Amino acid sequence: MAGLYIHIPFCTHACPYCDFSFELLKDGRVDRLLAALETEAGRRGRESPWPDSTIDTVFLGGGTPTCLTDRQLDRVFGMIHGFFRVDPDAEVTVEANPETVRISKLQRLRELGVNRLSIGVQSFSDDILRRLGRRHTADQAEEAIVLAREAGFENVNLDLMFGVPGQAASHWTDTLERTVSLDPEHVSVYGLTIEPGTKFARMEEEGTLDLPDEAGHVACYYQALDRLAAAGYRHYEVSNLSKPGFACRHNVSCWNGGDYLGLGPSAHSHLAGRRLANSRSLADYLSAMDEWGEAIDMDETLSVEERIHEYILLRLRSVEGMDTRVFRDRFGDDAMGKRDPAIHTLAEEGLLAERGARIRLTRKGLALADSVCAYLM
């Protein structure tokens, strides 16, 4: 079993915080992208191990895949099923922004086999949405969820963002309450990070970005965990919660070191410790596909130390934590012993909890996950 990720880089506008690979929507470039994706899928689909693999998760990310027309979406899914063997029970996710959602499009996605919709809500405050440069309103976000249900989606994720400029406690409380009332199966909760080169990064350098302090940032995170837990959601990864049975299978597989193939600009692939990445920009990707029929910009086999670092980072992001027996079996007693003093220190500081052979992030540690993992490296 393996996963398939396809990057659709087009958006209707640019958000001031976004550092993903995206382009403003231009029809001619869409058709060029689809042709390039078909070429790439045909080439990769013939390479080992993909002819013998069954795809059990498909994820269309972006960008905004739902800004494509029905004809263009038909072409994407024709490519998927034309070059890969997809399990009939596969989890098939498409990301959507509320302003691009129409009932006819959602119905077409269902006909194409999409069974999971991930909606970029971010906030149910119109003021915060404006600050984030979003093009939808809170009511449009709610309408998108209602339409998803009408179209037959029984697995819906909402993306929410905290730590936003000008975000008052009441904004976040209202967003959480409205989320719970809409009863999605999955919620992803992300703290805003300021990425280099974005408009928000320039505003921060100029001192014109009104960000909450660290304590306020952490408080919003804990509030989300508590409110969603009270509503029956299980916290299974640092930023992700779901109702029982609705954890994102695609992401869980990636976090557990599973194999996946990425197609499109900036897409990454993993195969048994080998990592590949395509050219990041759409222009470079299209140019490479036209000239060479592939656009791989990075191809590396991870060293033992790199695999150790990746294992720690991914397993500790899971709320279940890391089994030290598995770690020892994979990497040896020396690799574990080398980290025992750091584990002891982090446990004393209340950032890690030890129970038998398993270590996991505490509530305090979850809010500082990246720093804790870095300390263990």
Protein backbone atom coordinates (compact mmCIF):
# COMPACT_ATOMS: atom_id res chain seq x y z
CA MET A 1 0.00 0.00 0.00
CA ALA A 2 1.23 3.51 -0.78
CA GLY A 3 0.04 7.08 -0.97
CA LEU A 4 -0.26 9.46 -3.90
CA TYR A 5 0.02 13.24 -3.51
CA ILE A 6 -0.70 15.65 -6.36
CA HIS A 7 0.10 19.34 -6.01
CA ILE A 8 -2.28 21.72 -7.74
CA PRO A 9 -0.52 25.08 -7.33
CA PHE A 10 -3.25 27.46 -8.49
CA CYS A 11 -5.06 29.95 -6.26
CA THR A 12 -7.49 32.75 -7.01
CA HIS A 13 -5.39 35.17 -4.94
CA ALA A 14 -2.29 35.36 -2.74
CA CYS A 15 -2.58 35.17 1.06
CA PRO A 16 -0.01 37.33 2.91
CA TYR A 17 1.22 34.48 5.15
CA CYS A 18 1.49 31.69 2.56
CA ASP A 19 4.86 30.20 1.65
CA PHE A 20 3.55 27.24 -0.36
CA SER A 21 4.25 26.77 -4.05
CA PHE A 22 1.38 28.53 -5.79
CA GLU A 23 0.50 30.64 -8.82
CA LEU A 24 -2.46 32.89 -9.51
CA LEU A 25 -5.01 31.10 -11.64
CA LYS A 26 -4.40 31.30 -15.38
CA ASP A 27 -6.28 28.90 -17.63
CA GLY A 28 -3.48 28.34 -20.11
CA ARG A 29 -1.06 27.38 -17.35
CA VAL A 30 -3.61 24.96 -15.90
CA ASP A 31 -3.73 22.97 -19.12
CA ARG A 32 0.07 23.01 -19.33
CA LEU A 33 0.25 21.72 -15.77
CA LEU A 34 -2.24 18.93 -16.45
CA ALA A 35 -0.27 17.82 -19.51
CA ALA A 36 2.93 17.82 -17.44
CA LEU A 37 1.25 15.85 -14.64
CA GLU A 38 0.11 13.24 -17.16
CA THR A 39 3.65 12.93 -18.48
CA GLU A 40 5.07 12.63 -14.97
CA ALA A 41 2.42 10.14 -13.84
CA GLY A 42 3.06 8.00 -16.92
CA ARG A 43 6.79 7.95 -16.27
CA ARG A 44 6.59 7.37 -12.51
CA GLY A 45 3.79 4.84 -12.88
CA ARG A 46 6.10 2.59 -14.92
CA GLU A 47 8.95 2.74 -12.41
CA SER A 48 9.44 0.32 -9.53
CA PRO A 49 7.65 -0.15 -7.19
CA TRP A 50 4.56 1.64 -8.52
CA PRO A 51 3.39 -0.94 -11.09
CA ASP A 52 3.15 -3.47 -8.22
CA SER A 53 1.78 -1.04 -5.63
CA THR A 54 -1.80 -0.37 -4.66
CA ILE A 55 -2.61 3.25 -3.83
CA ASP A 56 -4.68 3.38 -0.65
CA THR A 57 -4.61 7.16 -0.08
CA VAL A 58 -4.83 9.99 -2.61
CA PHE A 59 -4.40 13.63 -1.61
CA LEU A 60 -4.90 16.64 -3.90
CA GLY A 61 -3.32 19.64 -2.20
CA GLY A 62 -2.31 23.10 -3.19
CA GLY A 63 -2.88 25.78 -3.88
CA THR A 64 -6.61 25.34 -4.25
CA PRO A 65 -7.56 22.22 -6.23
CA THR A 66 -11.23 23.24 -6.25
CA CYS A 67 -10.46 26.30 -8.37
CA LEU A 68 -10.12 23.87 -11.30
CA THR A 69 -13.10 23.38 -13.58
CA ASP A 70 -15.04 20.12 -13.64
CA ARG A 71 -13.38 19.25 -16.95
CA GLN A 72 -9.94 19.81 -15.48
CA LEU A 73 -10.77 17.75 -12.37
CA ASP A 74 -12.04 14.95 -14.64
CA ARG A 75 -8.68 15.01 -16.37
CA VAL A 76 -6.77 14.78 -13.06
CA PHE A 77 -8.74 11.76 -11.89
CA GLY A 78 -8.57 10.15 -15.32
CA MET A 79 -4.79 10.40 -15.01
CA ILE A 80 -4.81 8.90 -11.50
CA HIS A 81 -6.84 5.87 -12.50
CA GLY A 82 -5.11 5.57 -15.85
CA PHE A 83 -1.62 5.15 -14.43
CA PHE A 84 -2.11 3.74 -10.92
CA ARG A 85 -4.02 0.94 -9.24
CA VAL A 86 -6.24 2.60 -6.62
CA ASP A 87 -7.79 0.54 -3.84
CA PRO A 88 -11.61 0.67 -3.98
CA ASP A 89 -11.60 1.68 -0.30
CA ALA A 90 -8.90 4.32 -0.69
CA GLU A 91 -9.13 7.56 1.26
CA VAL A 92 -9.31 10.30 -1.40
CA THR A 93 -8.89 13.86 -0.10
CA VAL A 94 -9.24 17.15 -1.93
CA GLU A 95 -8.42 20.52 -0.37
CA ALA A 96 -10.94 23.31 -0.92
CA ASN A 97 -11.35 26.99 -0.16
CA PRO A 98 -14.92 28.12 0.64
CA GLU A 99 -15.17 30.68 -2.15
CA THR A 100 -14.51 27.99 -4.78
CA VAL A 101 -17.14 25.54 -3.49
CA ARG A 102 -20.31 24.95 -5.50
CA ILE A 103 -22.78 22.11 -5.04
CA SER A 104 -22.28 20.96 -8.65
CA LYS A 105 -18.51 20.79 -8.18
CA LEU A 106 -18.83 18.87 -4.90
CA GLN A 107 -21.22 16.42 -6.53
CA ARG A 108 -18.74 15.92 -9.36
CA LEU A 109 -15.94 15.27 -6.87
CA ARG A 110 -18.08 12.63 -5.19
CA GLU A 111 -18.73 11.02 -8.59
CA LEU A 112 -14.96 10.96 -9.16
CA GLY A 113 -14.46 9.02 -5.94
CA VAL A 114 -13.46 11.80 -3.56
CA ASN A 115 -14.61 10.87 -0.06
CA ARG A 116 -12.78 13.38 2.15
CA LEU A 117 -12.93 17.17 1.85
CA SER A 118 -10.48 19.46 3.65
CA ILE A 119 -11.80 23.03 3.84
CA GLY A 120 -9.50 25.99 4.54
CA VAL A 121 -11.75 27.89 6.94
CA GLN A 122 -9.00 29.42 9.16
CA SER A 123 -11.48 31.54 11.16
CA PHE A 124 -15.18 32.21 11.62
CA SER A 125 -14.46 35.91 12.19
CA ASP A 126 -14.83 38.15 9.14
CA ASP A 127 -12.38 40.62 10.66
CA ILE A 128 -9.70 37.94 11.08
CA LEU A 129 -10.36 36.57 7.61
CA ARG A 130 -9.73 40.03 6.16
CA ARG A 131 -6.48 40.31 8.13
CA LEU A 132 -5.42 36.95 6.71
CA GLY A 133 -6.20 38.11 3.19
CA ARG A 134 -8.83 35.43 2.72
CA ARG A 135 -11.50 35.92 0.06
CA HIS A 136 -14.34 34.14 1.84
CA THR A 137 -16.57 35.20 4.72
CA ALA A 138 -17.50 33.23 7.82
CA ASP A 139 -20.96 32.60 6.38
CA GLN A 140 -19.45 31.32 3.12
CA ALA A 141 -17.29 28.91 5.11
CA GLU A 142 -20.33 27.56 6.91
CA GLU A 143 -22.23 27.31 3.63
CA ALA A 144 -19.37 25.28 2.13
CA ILE A 145 -19.71 22.75 4.94
CA VAL A 146 -23.49 22.58 4.48
CA LEU A 147 -23.02 22.01 0.74
CA ALA A 148 -20.44 19.29 1.42
CA ARG A 149 -23.02 17.43 3.48
CA GLU A 150 -25.64 17.89 0.77
CA ALA A 151 -23.22 16.42 -1.75
CA GLY A 152 -22.76 13.35 0.43
CA PHE A 153 -19.42 13.99 2.14
CA GLU A 154 -19.25 12.12 5.45
CA ASN A 155 -15.61 12.96 6.17
CA VAL A 156 -14.90 16.69 6.36
CA ASN A 157 -11.86 18.43 7.82
CA LEU A 158 -11.71 22.09 8.80
CA ASP A 159 -8.38 23.94 8.92
CA LEU A 160 -8.24 26.59 11.67
CA MET A 161 -5.50 29.11 12.43
CA PHE A 162 -4.60 30.86 15.69
CA GLY A 163 -1.95 33.40 16.64
CA VAL A 164 -3.25 35.71 13.91
CA PRO A 165 -2.59 39.49 13.93
CA GLY A 166 -5.30 41.26 15.89
CA GLN A 167 -6.95 38.03 17.02
CA ALA A 168 -8.79 38.64 20.30
CA ALA A 169 -9.70 35.84 22.70
CA SER A 170 -13.35 36.22 21.69
CA HIS A 171 -12.50 35.63 18.01
CA TRP A 172 -10.87 32.30 18.78
CA THR A 173 -13.59 31.24 21.21
CA ASP A 174 -16.28 31.99 18.63
CA THR A 175 -14.37 30.09 15.95
CA LEU A 176 -14.08 27.01 18.13
CA GLU A 177 -17.74 27.14 19.13
CA ARG A 178 -18.90 27.49 15.55
CA THR A 179 -16.61 24.64 14.52
CA VAL A 180 -18.07 22.34 17.16
CA SER A 181 -21.62 23.29 16.14
CA LEU A 182 -20.87 22.29 12.53
CA ASP A 183 -19.70 18.85 13.68
CA PRO A 184 -16.85 18.10 11.21
CA GLU A 185 -15.16 14.71 11.49
CA HIS A 186 -11.67 16.21 11.64
CA VAL A 187 -10.10 19.52 12.71
CA SER A 188 -6.55 20.73 12.02
CA VAL A 189 -5.38 23.54 14.28
CA TYR A 190 -2.33 25.53 13.19
CA GLY A 191 -0.50 28.38 14.81
CA LEU A 192 0.49 31.11 12.37
CA THR A 193 4.19 31.02 11.51
CA ILE A 194 5.89 33.93 9.77
CA GLU A 195 7.66 32.56 6.71
CA PRO A 196 10.56 34.43 5.06
CA GLY A 197 9.67 36.25 1.87
CA THR A 198 5.97 36.62 2.64
CA LYS A 199 4.08 39.88 3.06
CA PHE A 200 3.65 39.13 6.76
CA ALA A 201 7.43 38.71 7.10
CA ARG A 202 7.98 42.16 5.60
CA MET A 203 5.34 43.64 7.90
CA GLU A 204 7.01 42.03 10.91
CA GLU A 205 10.36 43.53 9.90
CA GLU A 206 8.66 46.94 9.64
CA GLY A 207 7.03 46.51 13.04
CA THR A 208 3.48 46.77 11.63
CA LEU A 209 2.32 43.22 12.39
CA ASP A 210 0.25 42.98 15.57
CA LEU A 211 1.06 39.45 16.73
CA PRO A 212 0.04 37.91 20.09
CA ASP A 213 2.82 37.13 22.55
CA GLU A 214 4.03 33.58 23.12
CA ALA A 215 1.79 33.08 26.15
CA GLY A 216 -1.27 34.10 24.16
CA HIS A 217 -0.24 31.84 21.30
CA VAL A 218 0.09 28.82 23.60
CA ALA A 219 -3.16 29.65 25.40
CA CYS A 220 -5.07 29.51 22.10
CA TYR A 221 -3.53 26.12 21.35
CA TYR A 222 -4.52 24.67 24.71
CA GLN A 223 -8.01 26.16 24.43
CA ALA A 224 -8.51 24.39 21.10
CA LEU A 225 -7.32 21.05 22.48
CA ASP A 226 -9.62 21.32 25.50
CA ARG A 227 -12.72 22.51 23.66
CA LEU A 228 -12.42 19.92 20.91
CA ALA A 229 -11.67 17.12 23.38
CA ALA A 230 -14.81 18.05 25.31
CA ALA A 231 -16.75 17.73 22.04
CA GLY A 232 -15.49 14.18 21.46
CA TYR A 233 -12.44 14.76 19.26
CA ARG A 234 -9.32 12.66 19.81
CA HIS A 235 -6.02 14.49 19.69
CA TYR A 236 -3.73 12.22 17.66
CA GLU A 237 -1.00 14.53 16.31
CA VAL A 238 0.35 17.88 17.46
CA SER A 239 -1.98 19.88 15.18
CA ASN A 240 -4.68 17.33 14.36
CA LEU A 241 -7.80 16.04 16.08
CA SER A 242 -10.54 13.75 14.82
CA LYS A 243 -13.59 11.83 15.83
CA PRO A 244 -12.87 8.13 16.39
CA GLY A 245 -12.04 6.43 13.11
CA PHE A 246 -11.48 9.66 11.16
CA ALA A 247 -7.75 10.33 11.55
CA CYS A 248 -6.31 11.30 8.16
CA ARG A 249 -4.96 8.02 6.78
CA HIS A 250 -2.74 9.74 4.23
CA ASN A 251 -0.95 11.90 6.77
CA VAL A 252 -0.69 9.13 9.37
CA SER A 253 1.02 6.91 6.80
CA CYS A 254 3.49 9.67 5.93
CA TRP A 255 4.23 10.32 9.63
CA ASN A 256 4.81 6.58 10.14
CA GLY A 257 7.40 6.47 7.36
CA GLY A 258 5.16 4.95 4.69
CA ASP A 259 5.87 5.22 0.98
CA TYR A 260 4.21 7.88 -1.13
CA LEU A 261 4.62 9.39 -4.57
CA GLY A 262 4.37 13.12 -5.14
CA LEU A 263 3.50 14.65 -8.52
CA GLY A 264 3.56 18.31 -9.51
CA PRO A 265 5.65 21.36 -8.55
CA SER A 266 7.24 21.16 -5.06
CA ALA A 267 5.83 17.65 -4.50
CA HIS A 268 7.88 15.24 -2.39
CA SER A 269 8.12 11.46 -2.58
CA HIS A 270 9.41 8.81 -0.18
CA LEU A 271 10.42 5.25 -0.90
CA ALA A 272 12.15 3.15 1.77
CA GLY A 273 14.42 5.93 3.02
CA ARG A 274 14.92 7.58 -0.39
CA ARG A 275 13.50 11.09 -0.69
CA LEU A 276 12.78 12.99 -3.87
CA ALA A 277 11.46 16.50 -4.45
CA ASN A 278 10.32 18.24 -7.61
CA SER A 279 11.25 21.75 -8.67
CA ARG A 280 9.44 24.18 -6.40
CA SER A 281 8.17 26.82 -8.83
CA LEU A 282 5.57 26.08 -11.47
CA ALA A 283 7.71 27.73 -14.17
CA ASP A 284 10.74 25.56 -13.33
CA TYR A 285 8.59 22.45 -13.10
CA LEU A 286 6.96 23.03 -16.49
CA SER A 287 10.27 23.88 -18.12
CA ALA A 288 11.91 20.73 -16.76
CA MET A 289 8.98 18.55 -17.80
CA ASP A 290 9.07 20.01 -21.32
CA GLU A 291 12.82 19.49 -21.67
CA TRP A 292 13.51 16.25 -19.81
CA GLY A 293 10.18 14.67 -19.01
CA GLU A 294 10.86 14.89 -15.28
CA ALA A 295 11.40 17.67 -12.75
CA ILE A 296 13.26 16.06 -9.84
CA ASP A 297 15.27 18.73 -8.08
CA MET A 298 16.43 16.64 -5.11
CA ASP A 299 17.14 12.92 -4.83
CA GLU A 300 18.80 11.61 -1.71
CA THR A 301 19.03 8.50 0.40
CA LEU A 302 18.94 9.44 4.06
CA SER A 303 21.95 8.59 6.20
CA VAL A 304 21.42 6.64 9.41
CA GLU A 305 21.64 9.83 11.46
CA GLU A 306 19.14 11.58 9.19
CA ARG A 307 16.75 8.65 9.51
CA ILE A 308 17.10 8.81 13.29
CA HIS A 309 16.29 12.51 13.30
CA GLU A 310 13.30 12.01 11.05
CA TYR A 311 12.01 9.11 13.14
CA ILE A 312 12.18 11.15 16.36
CA LEU A 313 10.53 14.17 14.76
CA LEU A 314 7.65 12.21 13.23
CA ARG A 315 6.97 9.80 16.08
CA LEU A 316 7.01 12.44 18.81
CA ARG A 317 4.56 14.57 16.87
CA SER A 318 2.15 11.69 17.34
CA VAL A 319 0.34 11.95 20.67
CA GLU A 320 1.10 8.25 21.23
CA GLY A 321 4.79 9.09 21.20
CA MET A 322 7.81 6.91 20.47
CA ASP A 323 8.44 3.31 21.49
CA THR A 324 12.08 3.15 22.57
CA ARG A 325 12.17 -0.62 21.95
CA VAL A 326 11.36 -0.05 18.28
CA PHE A 327 13.95 2.72 18.18
CA ARG A 328 16.61 0.37 19.60
CA ASP A 329 15.70 -2.38 17.14
CA ARG A 330 16.03 0.01 14.20
CA PHE A 331 19.03 2.09 15.19
CA GLY A 332 20.87 0.21 17.96
CA ASP A 333 21.52 0.59 21.69
CA ASP A 334 24.20 3.25 21.14
CA ALA A 335 21.80 5.59 19.33
CA MET A 336 19.31 5.25 22.18
CA GLY A 337 21.90 5.53 24.93
CA LYS A 338 23.28 8.69 23.35
CA ARG A 339 19.87 10.30 23.86
CA ASP A 340 19.06 9.00 27.33
CA PRO A 341 20.51 12.07 29.13
CA ALA A 342 18.45 14.43 26.94
CA ILE A 343 15.31 12.37 27.56
CA HIS A 344 15.94 12.53 31.32
CA THR A 345 16.45 16.32 31.19
CA LEU A 346 13.28 16.88 29.15
CA ALA A 347 11.30 14.65 31.52
CA GLU A 348 12.55 16.63 34.52
CA GLU A 349 11.44 19.84 32.80
CA GLY A 350 7.97 18.39 32.27
CA LEU A 351 8.25 18.30 28.48
CA LEU A 352 8.43 14.53 28.05
CA ALA A 353 6.59 11.75 29.87
CA GLU A 354 8.05 8.25 30.22
CA ARG A 355 5.80 5.24 30.65
CA GLY A 356 7.48 1.89 30.32
CA ALA A 357 9.31 1.83 27.00
CA ARG A 358 7.30 4.69 25.54
CA ILE A 359 8.09 8.39 25.64
CA ARG A 360 5.67 11.09 24.55
CA LEU A 361 5.27 14.83 24.67
CA THR A 362 3.41 16.19 27.67
CA ARG A 363 0.80 18.91 27.35
CA LYS A 364 3.57 21.44 27.94
CA GLY A 365 5.80 19.66 25.45
CA LEU A 366 3.16 19.61 22.72
CA ALA A 367 3.22 23.40 22.58
CA LEU A 368 7.02 23.27 22.13
CA ALA A 369 7.21 20.16 19.95
CA ASP A 370 9.79 21.43 17.46
CA SER A 371 12.16 22.62 20.17
CA VAL A 372 11.85 19.36 22.14
CA CYS A 373 12.55 17.26 19.06
CA ALA A 374 15.52 19.45 18.12
CA TYR A 375 16.98 18.91 21.61
CA LEU A 376 16.82 15.14 21.10
CA MET A 377 18.55 15.23 17.76
